Amino acid sequence: MKKKILNKISLLLASVLIAATTLTLAGCAKNEVPAVNENVMVSVEGGEIGVGNTQFIFNVVDAEGNKTEFTVNTDETTVGDALLKVNLIAGEESEYGLYVKTVNGITADYDVDQTYWAFYINGEYAMTGVSDTNVEAGATYEFKVEK
């Protein structure tokens, strides 16, 4: 009789442990994509990324002038949404749109070191922010660290 009770208790404890582990892992999975205001990203070495029917070129130029080129595939309508979806940019939302502080794992923060990410469209300084710029197939978008 004691053995049956111990087996039932062991089975119950094992079930509770499995359920707790499953819930913990499921909660962690929801937090894997960085929020817009997080500055922690993994650096990527370029290449083709994303999934979608529209393709554009995205260049990252760091403070030393090193350029990394990506071919981005997307179905998003704005460049900002496309780059957020593939985790290439992060920043802070403001009344003016997304203030990009991190691009491809590199942070430029004017409040810290007077550098910022300048946004270019087809080689020209952009007159719109990344979150207000519609994706154009074949276009080249670029972020450069500037002081």
C-alpha atoms as a PDB file:
ATOM      1  CA  MET A   1       0.000   0.000   0.000  1.00  0.00           C
ATOM      2  CA  LYS A   2       2.816   2.402   0.893  1.00  0.00           C
ATOM      3  CA  LYS A   3       4.483   1.680  -2.424  1.00  0.00           C
ATOM      4  CA  LYS A   4       1.333   2.601  -4.391  1.00  0.00           C
ATOM      5  CA  ILE A   5       1.000   5.899  -2.519  1.00  0.00           C
ATOM      6  CA  LEU A   6       4.687   6.731  -3.094  1.00  0.00           C
ATOM      7  CA  ASN A   7       4.345   5.909  -6.809  1.00  0.00           C
ATOM      8  CA  LYS A   8       1.295   8.195  -7.104  1.00  0.00           C
ATOM      9  CA  ILE A   9       3.096  11.015  -5.278  1.00  0.00           C
ATOM     10  CA  SER A  10       6.180  10.563  -7.477  1.00  0.00           C
ATOM     11  CA  LEU A  11       4.032  10.618 -10.607  1.00  0.00           C
ATOM     12  CA  LEU A  12       2.217  13.745  -9.401  1.00  0.00           C
ATOM     13  CA  LEU A  13       5.482  15.543  -8.581  1.00  0.00           C
ATOM     14  CA  ALA A  14       6.978  14.591 -11.943  1.00  0.00           C
ATOM     15  CA  SER A  15       3.882  15.950 -13.723  1.00  0.00           C
ATOM     16  CA  VAL A  16       4.064  19.234 -11.794  1.00  0.00           C
ATOM     17  CA  LEU A  17       7.771  19.557 -12.591  1.00  0.00           C
ATOM     18  CA  ILE A  18       7.179  18.940 -16.311  1.00  0.00           C
ATOM     19  CA  ALA A  19       4.314  21.462 -16.381  1.00  0.00           C
ATOM     20  CA  ALA A  20       6.408  24.110 -14.592  1.00  0.00           C
ATOM     21  CA  THR A  21       9.338  23.569 -16.975  1.00  0.00           C
ATOM     22  CA  THR A  22       7.055  23.804 -20.011  1.00  0.00           C
ATOM     23  CA  LEU A  23       5.470  27.050 -18.791  1.00  0.00           C
ATOM     24  CA  THR A  24       8.874  28.554 -18.009  1.00  0.00           C
ATOM     25  CA  LEU A  25      10.219  27.711 -21.469  1.00  0.00           C
ATOM     26  CA  ALA A  26       7.081  29.019 -23.163  1.00  0.00           C
ATOM     27  CA  GLY A  27       7.426  32.313 -21.261  1.00  0.00           C
ATOM     28  CA  CYS A  28      11.066  32.636 -22.308  1.00  0.00           C
ATOM     29  CA  ALA A  29      10.214  32.053 -25.970  1.00  0.00           C
ATOM     30  CA  LYS A  30       7.912  35.090 -25.952  1.00  0.00           C
ATOM     31  CA  ASN A  31      10.782  37.347 -24.868  1.00  0.00           C
ATOM     32  CA  GLU A  32      13.350  36.295 -27.484  1.00  0.00           C
ATOM     33  CA  VAL A  33      12.603  39.133 -29.928  1.00  0.00           C
ATOM     34  CA  PRO A  34      14.076  42.396 -28.608  1.00  0.00           C
ATOM     35  CA  ALA A  35      11.598  45.143 -27.779  1.00  0.00           C
ATOM     36  CA  VAL A  36      11.954  48.395 -29.684  1.00  0.00           C
ATOM     37  CA  ASN A  37      13.758  50.075 -26.781  1.00  0.00           C
ATOM     38  CA  GLU A  38      16.312  47.327 -26.099  1.00  0.00           C
ATOM     39  CA  ASN A  39      19.883  47.952 -27.238  1.00  0.00           C
ATOM     40  CA  VAL A  40      21.141  44.390 -27.046  1.00  0.00           C
ATOM     41  CA  MET A  41      21.420  42.716 -30.432  1.00  0.00           C
ATOM     42  CA  VAL A  42      23.685  40.132 -31.987  1.00  0.00           C
ATOM     43  CA  SER A  43      25.959  41.378 -34.748  1.00  0.00           C
ATOM     44  CA  VAL A  44      25.389  39.794 -38.142  1.00  0.00           C
ATOM     45  CA  GLU A  45      27.963  39.568 -40.939  1.00  0.00           C
ATOM     46  CA  GLY A  46      25.721  40.501 -43.850  1.00  0.00           C
ATOM     47  CA  GLY A  47      24.121  38.377 -46.542  1.00  0.00           C
ATOM     48  CA  GLU A  48      20.522  37.648 -47.446  1.00  0.00           C
ATOM     49  CA  ILE A  49      17.992  37.760 -44.630  1.00  0.00           C
ATOM     50  CA  GLY A  50      14.246  37.839 -44.083  1.00  0.00           C
ATOM     51  CA  VAL A  51      11.295  36.333 -45.884  1.00  0.00           C
ATOM     52  CA  GLY A  52       8.990  38.109 -48.285  1.00  0.00           C
ATOM     53  CA  ASN A  53       8.221  39.148 -51.842  1.00  0.00           C
ATOM     54  CA  THR A  54       9.958  42.545 -51.796  1.00  0.00           C
ATOM     55  CA  GLN A  55      13.737  42.826 -51.768  1.00  0.00           C
ATOM     56  CA  PHE A  56      15.999  45.779 -50.989  1.00  0.00           C
ATOM     57  CA  ILE A  57      19.637  46.419 -50.082  1.00  0.00           C
ATOM     58  CA  PHE A  58      20.498  47.583 -46.574  1.00  0.00           C
ATOM     59  CA  ASN A  59      23.987  48.833 -45.721  1.00  0.00           C
ATOM     60  CA  VAL A  60      25.457  49.454 -42.277  1.00  0.00           C
ATOM     61  CA  VAL A  61      28.496  51.752 -42.069  1.00  0.00           C
ATOM     62  CA  ASP A  62      30.163  51.873 -38.645  1.00  0.00           C
ATOM     63  CA  ALA A  63      32.239  54.698 -37.133  1.00  0.00           C
ATOM     64  CA  GLU A  64      35.438  53.338 -38.742  1.00  0.00           C
ATOM     65  CA  GLY A  65      33.832  53.266 -42.199  1.00  0.00           C
ATOM     66  CA  ASN A  66      33.422  49.470 -42.329  1.00  0.00           C
ATOM     67  CA  LYS A  67      30.432  48.557 -44.471  1.00  0.00           C
ATOM     68  CA  THR A  68      28.206  45.495 -44.053  1.00  0.00           C
ATOM     69  CA  GLU A  69      25.654  44.793 -46.801  1.00  0.00           C
ATOM     70  CA  PHE A  70      22.395  42.898 -46.423  1.00  0.00           C
ATOM     71  CA  THR A  71      19.814  41.863 -48.970  1.00  0.00           C
ATOM     72  CA  VAL A  72      16.525  42.094 -47.092  1.00  0.00           C
ATOM     73  CA  ASN A  73      13.436  40.176 -48.165  1.00  0.00           C
ATOM     74  CA  THR A  74      10.177  41.408 -46.634  1.00  0.00           C
ATOM     75  CA  ASP A  75       6.440  41.822 -46.869  1.00  0.00           C
ATOM     76  CA  GLU A  76       6.465  44.770 -44.429  1.00  0.00           C
ATOM     77  CA  THR A  77       5.374  48.149 -45.779  1.00  0.00           C
ATOM     78  CA  THR A  78       7.969  50.370 -44.060  1.00  0.00           C
ATOM     79  CA  VAL A  79      11.741  50.040 -43.926  1.00  0.00           C
ATOM     80  CA  GLY A  80      11.620  50.421 -40.139  1.00  0.00           C
ATOM     81  CA  ASP A  81       9.199  47.521 -39.706  1.00  0.00           C
ATOM     82  CA  ALA A  82      11.229  45.352 -42.098  1.00  0.00           C
ATOM     83  CA  LEU A  83      14.504  46.011 -40.236  1.00  0.00           C
ATOM     84  CA  LEU A  84      12.885  45.543 -36.821  1.00  0.00           C
ATOM     85  CA  LYS A  85      11.431  42.216 -37.934  1.00  0.00           C
ATOM     86  CA  VAL A  86      14.883  40.837 -38.840  1.00  0.00           C
ATOM     87  CA  ASN A  87      16.400  42.358 -35.664  1.00  0.00           C
ATOM     88  CA  LEU A  88      18.811  44.685 -37.486  1.00  0.00           C
ATOM     89  CA  ILE A  89      17.719  47.850 -35.676  1.00  0.00           C
ATOM     90  CA  ALA A  90      16.552  48.845 -32.214  1.00  0.00           C
ATOM     91  CA  GLY A  91      15.818  52.139 -30.558  1.00  0.00           C
ATOM     92  CA  GLU A  92      13.214  54.170 -28.756  1.00  0.00           C
ATOM     93  CA  GLU A  93       9.771  55.211 -29.945  1.00  0.00           C
ATOM     94  CA  SER A  94       9.128  58.932 -29.754  1.00  0.00           C
ATOM     95  CA  GLU A  95       6.513  61.365 -30.989  1.00  0.00           C
ATOM     96  CA  TYR A  96       8.631  61.668 -34.159  1.00  0.00           C
ATOM     97  CA  GLY A  97       8.875  57.927 -34.810  1.00  0.00           C
ATOM     98  CA  LEU A  98      11.634  55.433 -34.068  1.00  0.00           C
ATOM     99  CA  TYR A  99      14.905  56.940 -32.795  1.00  0.00           C
ATOM    100  CA  VAL A 100      17.376  54.270 -33.933  1.00  0.00           C
ATOM    101  CA  LYS A 101      20.222  53.748 -31.482  1.00  0.00           C
ATOM    102  CA  THR A 102      21.450  50.271 -32.425  1.00  0.00           C
ATOM    103  CA  VAL A 103      22.078  48.903 -35.907  1.00  0.00           C
ATOM    104  CA  ASN A 104      23.469  45.407 -36.473  1.00  0.00           C
ATOM    105  CA  GLY A 105      24.597  45.241 -32.843  1.00  0.00           C
ATOM    106  CA  ILE A 106      26.427  48.603 -32.903  1.00  0.00           C
ATOM    107  CA  THR A 107      25.116  51.354 -30.633  1.00  0.00           C
ATOM    108  CA  ALA A 108      25.427  55.052 -31.446  1.00  0.00           C
ATOM    109  CA  ASP A 109      23.904  57.285 -28.783  1.00  0.00           C
ATOM    110  CA  TYR A 110      24.146  61.044 -29.092  1.00  0.00           C
ATOM    111  CA  ASP A 111      23.543  61.497 -25.358  1.00  0.00           C
ATOM    112  CA  VAL A 112      26.610  59.344 -24.610  1.00  0.00           C
ATOM    113  CA  ASP A 113      29.226  60.116 -27.293  1.00  0.00           C
ATOM    114  CA  GLN A 114      27.616  62.634 -29.697  1.00  0.00           C
ATOM    115  CA  THR A 115      27.236  60.000 -32.435  1.00  0.00           C
ATOM    116  CA  TYR A 116      24.007  59.005 -34.155  1.00  0.00           C
ATOM    117  CA  TRP A 117      22.757  56.785 -36.961  1.00  0.00           C
ATOM    118  CA  ALA A 118      22.108  58.829 -40.117  1.00  0.00           C
ATOM    119  CA  PHE A 119      19.553  57.290 -42.500  1.00  0.00           C
ATOM    120  CA  TYR A 120      20.136  57.372 -46.278  1.00  0.00           C
ATOM    121  CA  ILE A 121      17.915  56.374 -49.199  1.00  0.00           C
ATOM    122  CA  ASN A 122      19.666  55.541 -52.486  1.00  0.00           C
ATOM    123  CA  GLY A 123      22.756  57.443 -51.340  1.00  0.00           C
ATOM    124  CA  GLU A 124      20.893  60.617 -50.313  1.00  0.00           C
ATOM    125  CA  TYR A 125      20.330  61.796 -46.747  1.00  0.00           C
ATOM    126  CA  ALA A 126      16.740  60.780 -45.959  1.00  0.00           C
ATOM    127  CA  MET A 127      14.054  63.415 -45.516  1.00  0.00           C
ATOM    128  CA  THR A 128      11.849  60.867 -43.700  1.00  0.00           C
ATOM    129  CA  GLY A 129      12.516  58.651 -40.704  1.00  0.00           C
ATOM    130  CA  VAL A 130      12.995  54.915 -41.093  1.00  0.00           C
ATOM    131  CA  SER A 131       9.568  54.219 -39.589  1.00  0.00           C
ATOM    132  CA  ASP A 132       7.923  56.580 -42.115  1.00  0.00           C
ATOM    133  CA  THR A 133       9.789  55.359 -45.211  1.00  0.00           C
ATOM    134  CA  ASN A 134       7.886  52.945 -47.420  1.00  0.00           C
ATOM    135  CA  VAL A 135       9.776  49.933 -48.746  1.00  0.00           C
ATOM    136  CA  GLU A 136      10.661  50.259 -52.431  1.00  0.00           C
ATOM    137  CA  ALA A 137      11.792  47.122 -54.247  1.00  0.00           C
ATOM    138  CA  GLY A 138      15.401  47.394 -55.402  1.00  0.00           C
ATOM    139  CA  ALA A 139      16.147  50.513 -53.345  1.00  0.00           C
ATOM    140  CA  THR A 140      19.243  50.873 -51.179  1.00  0.00           C
ATOM    141  CA  TYR A 141      18.815  52.027 -47.595  1.00  0.00           C
ATOM    142  CA  GLU A 142      21.740  52.762 -45.335  1.00  0.00           C
ATOM    143  CA  PHE A 143      22.549  53.688 -41.759  1.00  0.00           C
ATOM    144  CA  LYS A 144      25.899  55.417 -41.108  1.00  0.00           C
ATOM    145  CA  VAL A 145      27.382  56.412 -37.772  1.00  0.00           C
ATOM    146  CA  GLU A 146      27.899  60.170 -37.835  1.00  0.00           C
ATOM    147  CA  LYS A 147      29.066  62.718 -35.313  1.00  0.00           C
END
